[in-house]
Amino acid sequence: MFGNRRHFRELIAGSEERIATNILASRLKQLVAAGLLTRDDARRGQRAAYSLTEAGIQVLPIMVALGNWGLAHRHGERRLRVRAELLRDGGPELVAAMMDELRELHLGVPRPDPDAPRASDQLHAAYETALRDKTSSEAAER
């Protein structure tokens, strides 16, 4: 949801964990029941879309804190760490900007500064750079 995957198939296709469809369906139902997501029922032939609620958006700083813990105590591939590093290094301002962007996307609340760079663009650019760096280093090793 934080990466703008809002439909079931997008969540399955973009899953690094390769989550089973029945597990994802169950988790989505639980998140809706807990008030962290809403599910816009689709008409026949359309896909249902999930959206974060304000409570769901307010989970972001908790996820960032967990990411910070992981950066300090666990090793992992650069491409999996880069967004957590950017959110850590960007501090509360970047997290707040990301939350404002999520409110715009999921709740229709305009960002306070619509001309400011999007936090998601910064995160995406950092991820793409990490992927390019990994591909370049793998090619150099061959």
N, C-alpha and C. Protein backbone atom coordinates (compact mmCIF):
# COMPACT_ATOMS: atom_id res chain seq x y z
N MET A 1 0.82 -1.20 0.00
CA MET A 1 0.00 0.00 0.00
C MET A 1 0.86 1.26 0.00
N PHE A 2 1.99 1.22 0.73
CA PHE A 2 2.85 2.39 0.78
C PHE A 2 3.52 2.63 -0.56
N GLY A 3 3.62 1.60 -1.39
CA GLY A 3 4.23 1.73 -2.71
C GLY A 3 3.21 1.88 -3.82
N ASN A 4 1.99 2.25 -3.48
CA ASN A 4 0.89 2.48 -4.43
C ASN A 4 0.50 1.22 -5.20
N ARG A 5 0.59 0.08 -4.55
CA ARG A 5 -0.02 -1.14 -5.10
C ARG A 5 -1.35 -1.27 -4.39
N ARG A 6 -2.42 -1.12 -5.13
CA ARG A 6 -3.73 -1.01 -4.48
C ARG A 6 -4.70 -2.11 -4.89
N HIS A 7 -4.32 -2.94 -5.83
CA HIS A 7 -5.18 -4.03 -6.27
C HIS A 7 -4.53 -5.36 -5.93
N PHE A 8 -5.35 -6.37 -5.71
CA PHE A 8 -4.87 -7.68 -5.28
C PHE A 8 -3.76 -8.20 -6.19
N ARG A 9 -3.97 -8.16 -7.48
CA ARG A 9 -2.96 -8.69 -8.42
C ARG A 9 -1.65 -7.91 -8.37
N GLU A 10 -1.74 -6.60 -8.16
CA GLU A 10 -0.51 -5.80 -8.03
C GLU A 10 0.26 -6.19 -6.77
N LEU A 11 -0.48 -6.46 -5.71
CA LEU A 11 0.17 -6.85 -4.45
C LEU A 11 0.84 -8.22 -4.59
N ILE A 12 0.18 -9.14 -5.27
CA ILE A 12 0.77 -10.47 -5.49
C ILE A 12 2.00 -10.35 -6.40
N ALA A 13 1.85 -9.65 -7.51
CA ALA A 13 2.95 -9.55 -8.49
C ALA A 13 4.16 -8.83 -7.91
N GLY A 14 3.94 -7.85 -7.04
CA GLY A 14 5.04 -7.07 -6.49
C GLY A 14 5.58 -7.59 -5.17
N SER A 15 5.15 -8.76 -4.77
CA SER A 15 5.55 -9.31 -3.48
C SER A 15 6.94 -9.92 -3.52
N GLU A 16 7.88 -9.31 -2.81
CA GLU A 16 9.23 -9.88 -2.70
C GLU A 16 9.18 -11.21 -1.95
N GLU A 17 8.20 -11.34 -1.05
CA GLU A 17 8.09 -12.53 -0.21
C GLU A 17 7.39 -13.69 -0.91
N ARG A 18 6.80 -13.40 -2.06
CA ARG A 18 6.01 -14.39 -2.81
C ARG A 18 4.90 -14.98 -1.93
N ILE A 19 4.14 -14.09 -1.34
CA ILE A 19 3.06 -14.49 -0.45
C ILE A 19 2.00 -15.28 -1.22
N ALA A 20 1.47 -16.30 -0.59
CA ALA A 20 0.41 -17.09 -1.21
C ALA A 20 -0.87 -16.26 -1.31
N THR A 21 -1.66 -16.50 -2.35
CA THR A 21 -2.86 -15.69 -2.57
C THR A 21 -3.86 -15.82 -1.42
N ASN A 22 -4.00 -17.02 -0.85
CA ASN A 22 -4.96 -17.17 0.25
C ASN A 22 -4.50 -16.42 1.50
N ILE A 23 -3.18 -16.37 1.72
CA ILE A 23 -2.65 -15.63 2.87
C ILE A 23 -2.84 -14.13 2.67
N LEU A 24 -2.55 -13.64 1.46
CA LEU A 24 -2.75 -12.22 1.18
C LEU A 24 -4.21 -11.84 1.34
N ALA A 25 -5.11 -12.64 0.81
CA ALA A 25 -6.55 -12.35 0.93
C ALA A 25 -6.96 -12.27 2.40
N SER A 26 -6.47 -13.20 3.20
CA SER A 26 -6.78 -13.20 4.63
C SER A 26 -6.23 -11.95 5.32
N ARG A 27 -5.00 -11.59 5.00
CA ARG A 27 -4.37 -10.41 5.63
C ARG A 27 -5.08 -9.13 5.23
N LEU A 28 -5.46 -9.02 3.98
CA LEU A 28 -6.19 -7.83 3.54
C LEU A 28 -7.52 -7.71 4.28
N LYS A 29 -8.23 -8.82 4.44
CA LYS A 29 -9.49 -8.80 5.19
C LYS A 29 -9.26 -8.36 6.63
N GLN A 30 -8.18 -8.84 7.24
CA GLN A 30 -7.86 -8.46 8.62
C GLN A 30 -7.53 -6.97 8.72
N LEU A 31 -6.79 -6.45 7.75
CA LEU A 31 -6.43 -5.03 7.77
C LEU A 31 -7.66 -4.14 7.56
N VAL A 32 -8.58 -4.60 6.72
CA VAL A 32 -9.84 -3.86 6.54
C VAL A 32 -10.65 -3.90 7.84
N ALA A 33 -10.75 -5.07 8.44
CA ALA A 33 -11.51 -5.21 9.70
C ALA A 33 -10.90 -4.38 10.82
N ALA A 34 -9.57 -4.23 10.82
CA ALA A 34 -8.88 -3.45 11.85
C ALA A 34 -8.95 -1.95 11.60
N GLY A 35 -9.47 -1.54 10.43
CA GLY A 35 -9.60 -0.13 10.13
C GLY A 35 -8.35 0.51 9.56
N LEU A 36 -7.38 -0.29 9.11
CA LEU A 36 -6.17 0.26 8.50
C LEU A 36 -6.30 0.43 6.99
N LEU A 37 -7.20 -0.33 6.39
CA LEU A 37 -7.49 -0.24 4.96
C LEU A 37 -8.98 -0.16 4.74
N THR A 38 -9.35 0.39 3.59
CA THR A 38 -10.72 0.27 3.10
C THR A 38 -10.65 -0.51 1.79
N ARG A 39 -11.75 -1.14 1.46
CA ARG A 39 -11.85 -1.88 0.20
C ARG A 39 -13.00 -1.31 -0.58
N ASP A 40 -12.69 -0.73 -1.73
CA ASP A 40 -13.72 -0.19 -2.61
C ASP A 40 -14.23 -1.35 -3.45
N ASP A 41 -15.46 -1.74 -3.20
CA ASP A 41 -16.02 -2.85 -3.94
C ASP A 41 -16.10 -2.50 -5.42
N ALA A 42 -15.68 -3.43 -6.20
CA ALA A 42 -15.66 -3.24 -7.65
C ALA A 42 -16.98 -3.70 -8.26
N ARG A 43 -17.32 -3.06 -9.34
CA ARG A 43 -18.46 -3.54 -10.12
C ARG A 43 -18.01 -4.73 -10.94
N ARG A 44 -18.95 -5.41 -11.49
CA ARG A 44 -18.65 -6.59 -12.30
C ARG A 44 -17.64 -6.23 -13.40
N GLY A 45 -16.58 -7.02 -13.50
CA GLY A 45 -15.55 -6.79 -14.49
C GLY A 45 -14.49 -5.79 -14.07
N GLN A 46 -14.61 -5.22 -12.88
CA GLN A 46 -13.60 -4.28 -12.40
C GLN A 46 -12.88 -4.88 -11.19
N ARG A 47 -11.73 -4.33 -10.90
CA ARG A 47 -10.96 -4.80 -9.77
C ARG A 47 -11.24 -3.96 -8.53
N ALA A 48 -11.31 -4.61 -7.38
CA ALA A 48 -11.47 -3.89 -6.12
C ALA A 48 -10.16 -3.17 -5.80
N ALA A 49 -10.26 -1.98 -5.27
CA ALA A 49 -9.08 -1.21 -4.88
C ALA A 49 -9.06 -1.06 -3.37
N TYR A 50 -7.88 -1.20 -2.80
CA TYR A 50 -7.67 -1.00 -1.37
C TYR A 50 -7.03 0.36 -1.17
N SER A 51 -7.43 1.03 -0.09
CA SER A 51 -6.86 2.33 0.25
C SER A 51 -6.49 2.34 1.72
N LEU A 52 -5.43 3.06 2.03
CA LEU A 52 -5.07 3.27 3.44
C LEU A 52 -6.06 4.23 4.07
N THR A 53 -6.38 3.99 5.32
CA THR A 53 -7.15 4.95 6.11
C THR A 53 -6.14 5.86 6.82
N GLU A 54 -6.62 6.86 7.52
CA GLU A 54 -5.71 7.71 8.29
C GLU A 54 -4.95 6.87 9.31
N ALA A 55 -5.64 5.92 9.95
CA ALA A 55 -4.95 5.03 10.90
C ALA A 55 -3.86 4.23 10.20
N GLY A 56 -4.13 3.78 8.99
CA GLY A 56 -3.12 3.04 8.22
C GLY A 56 -1.93 3.90 7.85
N ILE A 57 -2.20 5.14 7.51
CA ILE A 57 -1.11 6.07 7.17
C ILE A 57 -0.26 6.35 8.40
N GLN A 58 -0.88 6.42 9.55
CA GLN A 58 -0.14 6.69 10.78
C GLN A 58 0.74 5.52 11.22
N VAL A 59 0.64 4.40 10.55
CA VAL A 59 1.53 3.26 10.82
C VAL A 59 2.91 3.50 10.20
N LEU A 60 3.01 4.39 9.23
CA LEU A 60 4.28 4.59 8.53
C LEU A 60 5.45 4.88 9.47
N PRO A 61 5.33 5.79 10.45
CA PRO A 61 6.49 6.01 11.34
C PRO A 61 6.89 4.74 12.11
N ILE A 62 5.95 3.88 12.40
CA ILE A 62 6.26 2.62 13.08
C ILE A 62 7.04 1.72 12.13
N MET A 63 6.62 1.66 10.87
CA MET A 63 7.33 0.87 9.87
C MET A 63 8.75 1.41 9.67
N VAL A 64 8.89 2.72 9.69
CA VAL A 64 10.21 3.34 9.55
C VAL A 64 11.09 2.95 10.75
N ALA A 65 10.51 2.98 11.95
CA ALA A 65 11.27 2.58 13.15
C ALA A 65 11.71 1.12 13.05
N LEU A 66 10.84 0.26 12.58
CA LEU A 66 11.23 -1.15 12.39
C LEU A 66 12.33 -1.27 11.33
N GLY A 67 12.22 -0.48 10.28
CA GLY A 67 13.27 -0.47 9.26
C GLY A 67 14.60 -0.01 9.82
N ASN A 68 14.56 1.00 10.69
CA ASN A 68 15.79 1.48 11.32
C ASN A 68 16.43 0.39 12.18
N TRP A 69 15.60 -0.33 12.91
CA TRP A 69 16.11 -1.45 13.71
C TRP A 69 16.77 -2.48 12.80
N GLY A 70 16.10 -2.81 11.70
CA GLY A 70 16.66 -3.77 10.76
C GLY A 70 17.99 -3.31 10.17
N LEU A 71 18.09 -2.01 9.87
CA LEU A 71 19.35 -1.48 9.35
C LEU A 71 20.48 -1.64 10.36
N ALA A 72 20.16 -1.47 11.63
CA ALA A 72 21.18 -1.55 12.68
C ALA A 72 21.55 -2.98 13.05
N HIS A 73 20.61 -3.91 12.90
CA HIS A 73 20.82 -5.25 13.45
C HIS A 73 20.77 -6.39 12.45
N ARG A 74 20.47 -6.12 11.20
CA ARG A 74 20.38 -7.18 10.21
C ARG A 74 21.10 -6.76 8.94
N HIS A 75 21.65 -7.75 8.27
CA HIS A 75 22.27 -7.50 6.96
C HIS A 75 21.24 -7.83 5.90
N GLY A 76 21.44 -7.27 4.74
CA GLY A 76 20.54 -7.57 3.63
C GLY A 76 21.06 -6.93 2.36
N GLU A 77 20.42 -7.27 1.28
CA GLU A 77 20.81 -6.71 -0.01
C GLU A 77 20.57 -5.21 -0.03
N ARG A 78 21.43 -4.52 -0.71
CA ARG A 78 21.34 -3.06 -0.82
C ARG A 78 19.97 -2.64 -1.36
N ARG A 79 19.47 -3.33 -2.37
CA ARG A 79 18.19 -2.92 -2.98
C ARG A 79 17.05 -3.03 -1.98
N LEU A 80 17.19 -3.89 -0.97
CA LEU A 80 16.14 -4.03 0.04
C LEU A 80 16.32 -3.04 1.20
N ARG A 81 17.50 -2.48 1.32
CA ARG A 81 17.80 -1.57 2.43
C ARG A 81 17.71 -0.09 2.05
N VAL A 82 17.81 0.20 0.76
CA VAL A 82 18.00 1.58 0.32
C VAL A 82 16.84 2.50 0.73
N ARG A 83 15.62 2.05 0.63
CA ARG A 83 14.49 2.91 1.00
C ARG A 83 14.47 3.17 2.50
N ALA A 84 14.78 2.13 3.28
CA ALA A 84 14.83 2.32 4.74
C ALA A 84 15.94 3.30 5.10
N GLU A 85 17.07 3.21 4.40
CA GLU A 85 18.16 4.15 4.66
C GLU A 85 17.75 5.58 4.32
N LEU A 86 17.08 5.75 3.20
CA LEU A 86 16.64 7.08 2.79
C LEU A 86 15.64 7.66 3.80
N LEU A 87 14.69 6.85 4.24
CA LEU A 87 13.72 7.32 5.23
C LEU A 87 14.40 7.65 6.55
N ARG A 88 15.39 6.82 6.94
CA ARG A 88 16.14 7.11 8.17
C ARG A 88 16.88 8.43 8.03
N ASP A 89 17.62 8.58 6.92
CA ASP A 89 18.46 9.75 6.73
C ASP A 89 17.64 11.01 6.48
N GLY A 90 16.45 10.85 5.88
CA GLY A 90 15.58 12.00 5.62
C GLY A 90 14.90 12.52 6.86
N GLY A 91 14.89 11.71 7.91
CA GLY A 91 14.33 12.14 9.19
C GLY A 91 12.83 12.34 9.17
N PRO A 92 12.35 12.97 10.22
CA PRO A 92 10.89 13.18 10.36
C PRO A 92 10.27 13.98 9.22
N GLU A 93 11.06 14.86 8.60
CA GLU A 93 10.52 15.68 7.51
C GLU A 93 10.14 14.82 6.31
N LEU A 94 11.01 13.87 5.96
CA LEU A 94 10.73 13.00 4.82
C LEU A 94 9.55 12.07 5.14
N VAL A 95 9.50 11.56 6.36
CA VAL A 95 8.38 10.69 6.75
C VAL A 95 7.07 11.48 6.70
N ALA A 96 7.10 12.71 7.20
CA ALA A 96 5.89 13.55 7.16
C ALA A 96 5.48 13.83 5.72
N ALA A 97 6.45 14.08 4.85
CA ALA A 97 6.14 14.33 3.43
C ALA A 97 5.53 13.09 2.80
N MET A 98 6.04 11.92 3.16
CA MET A 98 5.49 10.67 2.62
C MET A 98 4.06 10.48 3.12
N MET A 99 3.82 10.79 4.39
CA MET A 99 2.46 10.66 4.93
C MET A 99 1.51 11.62 4.23
N ASP A 100 1.97 12.84 3.95
CA ASP A 100 1.13 13.81 3.21
C ASP A 100 0.81 13.28 1.82
N GLU A 101 1.80 12.67 1.19
CA GLU A 101 1.58 12.10 -0.15
C GLU A 101 0.58 10.95 -0.09
N LEU A 102 0.69 10.11 0.93
CA LEU A 102 -0.26 9.01 1.09
C LEU A 102 -1.68 9.52 1.34
N ARG A 103 -1.80 10.59 2.12
CA ARG A 103 -3.13 11.19 2.34
C ARG A 103 -3.73 11.68 1.03
N GLU A 104 -2.88 12.28 0.20
CA GLU A 104 -3.36 12.76 -1.10
C GLU A 104 -3.84 11.59 -1.96
N LEU A 105 -3.04 10.55 -2.02
CA LEU A 105 -3.32 9.40 -2.87
C LEU A 105 -4.52 8.58 -2.38
N HIS A 106 -4.57 8.32 -1.09
CA HIS A 106 -5.57 7.40 -0.55
C HIS A 106 -6.82 8.10 0.00
N LEU A 107 -6.67 9.33 0.47
CA LEU A 107 -7.80 10.01 1.11
C LEU A 107 -8.28 11.23 0.33
N GLY A 108 -7.53 11.61 -0.71
CA GLY A 108 -7.93 12.78 -1.50
C GLY A 108 -7.64 14.11 -0.84
N VAL A 109 -6.75 14.13 0.17
CA VAL A 109 -6.38 15.36 0.86
C VAL A 109 -5.16 15.95 0.16
N PRO A 110 -5.28 17.17 -0.38
CA PRO A 110 -4.13 17.75 -1.09
C PRO A 110 -2.91 17.90 -0.18
N ARG A 111 -1.73 17.72 -0.78
CA ARG A 111 -0.48 17.94 -0.03
C ARG A 111 -0.37 19.41 0.33
N PRO A 112 0.20 19.72 1.52
CA PRO A 112 0.34 21.13 1.93
C PRO A 112 1.12 21.96 0.91
N ASP A 113 2.15 21.37 0.31
CA ASP A 113 2.94 22.08 -0.70
C ASP A 113 2.95 21.23 -1.97
N PRO A 114 1.98 21.46 -2.85
CA PRO A 114 1.87 20.62 -4.05
C PRO A 114 3.07 20.74 -5.00
N ASP A 115 3.88 21.79 -4.86
CA ASP A 115 5.03 21.97 -5.73
C ASP A 115 6.30 21.31 -5.18
N ALA A 116 6.23 20.83 -3.95
CA ALA A 116 7.40 20.18 -3.34
C ALA A 116 7.65 18.84 -4.03
N PRO A 117 8.91 18.42 -4.07
CA PRO A 117 9.20 17.10 -4.65
C PRO A 117 8.45 16.00 -3.88
N ARG A 118 8.04 14.97 -4.58
CA ARG A 118 7.33 13.87 -3.94
C ARG A 118 8.32 12.94 -3.26
N ALA A 119 8.01 12.57 -2.04
CA ALA A 119 8.86 11.65 -1.29
C ALA A 119 8.97 10.31 -2.03
N SER A 120 7.87 9.88 -2.63
CA SER A 120 7.88 8.60 -3.34
C SER A 120 8.83 8.63 -4.53
N ASP A 121 8.98 9.79 -5.17
CA ASP A 121 9.92 9.90 -6.28
C ASP A 121 11.36 9.73 -5.78
N GLN A 122 11.65 10.30 -4.62
CA GLN A 122 12.99 10.15 -4.03
C GLN A 122 13.26 8.69 -3.69
N LEU A 123 12.28 8.02 -3.09
CA LEU A 123 12.43 6.62 -2.73
C LEU A 123 12.60 5.74 -3.97
N HIS A 124 11.82 6.02 -4.99
CA HIS A 124 11.90 5.24 -6.23
C HIS A 124 13.26 5.44 -6.91
N ALA A 125 13.72 6.68 -6.95
CA ALA A 125 15.01 6.96 -7.59
C ALA A 125 16.15 6.26 -6.84
N ALA A 126 16.10 6.26 -5.51
CA ALA A 126 17.14 5.59 -4.73
C ALA A 126 17.11 4.09 -4.98
N TYR A 127 15.93 3.52 -5.08
CA TYR A 127 15.81 2.09 -5.36
C TYR A 127 16.35 1.75 -6.74
N GLU A 128 15.98 2.53 -7.74
CA GLU A 128 16.46 2.29 -9.11
C GLU A 128 17.98 2.41 -9.19
N THR A 129 18.55 3.37 -8.48
CA THR A 129 20.00 3.53 -8.45
C THR A 129 20.65 2.30 -7.83
N ALA A 130 20.08 1.81 -6.74
CA ALA A 130 20.62 0.61 -6.09
C ALA A 130 20.54 -0.60 -7.02
N LEU A 131 19.47 -0.72 -7.78
CA LEU A 131 19.36 -1.82 -8.73
C LEU A 131 20.41 -1.71 -9.83
N ARG A 132 20.61 -0.50 -10.34
CA ARG A 132 21.63 -0.29 -11.38
C ARG A 132 23.01 -0.60 -10.83
N ASP A 133 23.29 -0.15 -9.61
CA ASP A 133 24.59 -0.41 -8.99
C ASP A 133 24.82 -1.90 -8.82
N LYS A 134 23.77 -2.62 -8.42
CA LYS A 134 23.90 -4.07 -8.23
C LYS A 134 24.17 -4.75 -9.57
N THR A 135 23.43 -4.36 -10.59
CA THR A 135 23.61 -4.95 -11.92
C THR A 135 25.02 -4.66 -12.44
N SER A 136 25.50 -3.44 -12.22
CA SER A 136 26.84 -3.06 -12.68
C SER A 136 27.91 -3.86 -11.95
N SER A 137 27.76 -4.02 -10.63
CA SER A 137 28.77 -4.77 -9.87
C SER A 137 28.74 -6.25 -10.21
N GLU A 138 27.56 -6.81 -10.49
CA GLU A 138 27.47 -8.21 -10.90
C GLU A 138 28.12 -8.42 -12.25
N ALA A 139 27.93 -7.48 -13.16
CA ALA A 139 28.53 -7.58 -14.49
C ALA A 139 30.06 -7.48 -14.39
N ALA A 140 30.54 -6.64 -13.50
CA ALA A 140 31.98 -6.47 -13.33
C ALA A 140 32.63 -7.74 -12.75
N GLU A 141 31.87 -8.46 -11.93
CA GLU A 141 32.39 -9.69 -11.32
C GLU A 141 32.53 -10.81 -12.32
N ARG A 142 31.79 -10.77 -13.42
CA ARG A 142 31.82 -11.84 -14.42
C ARG A 142 33.01 -11.74 -15.26
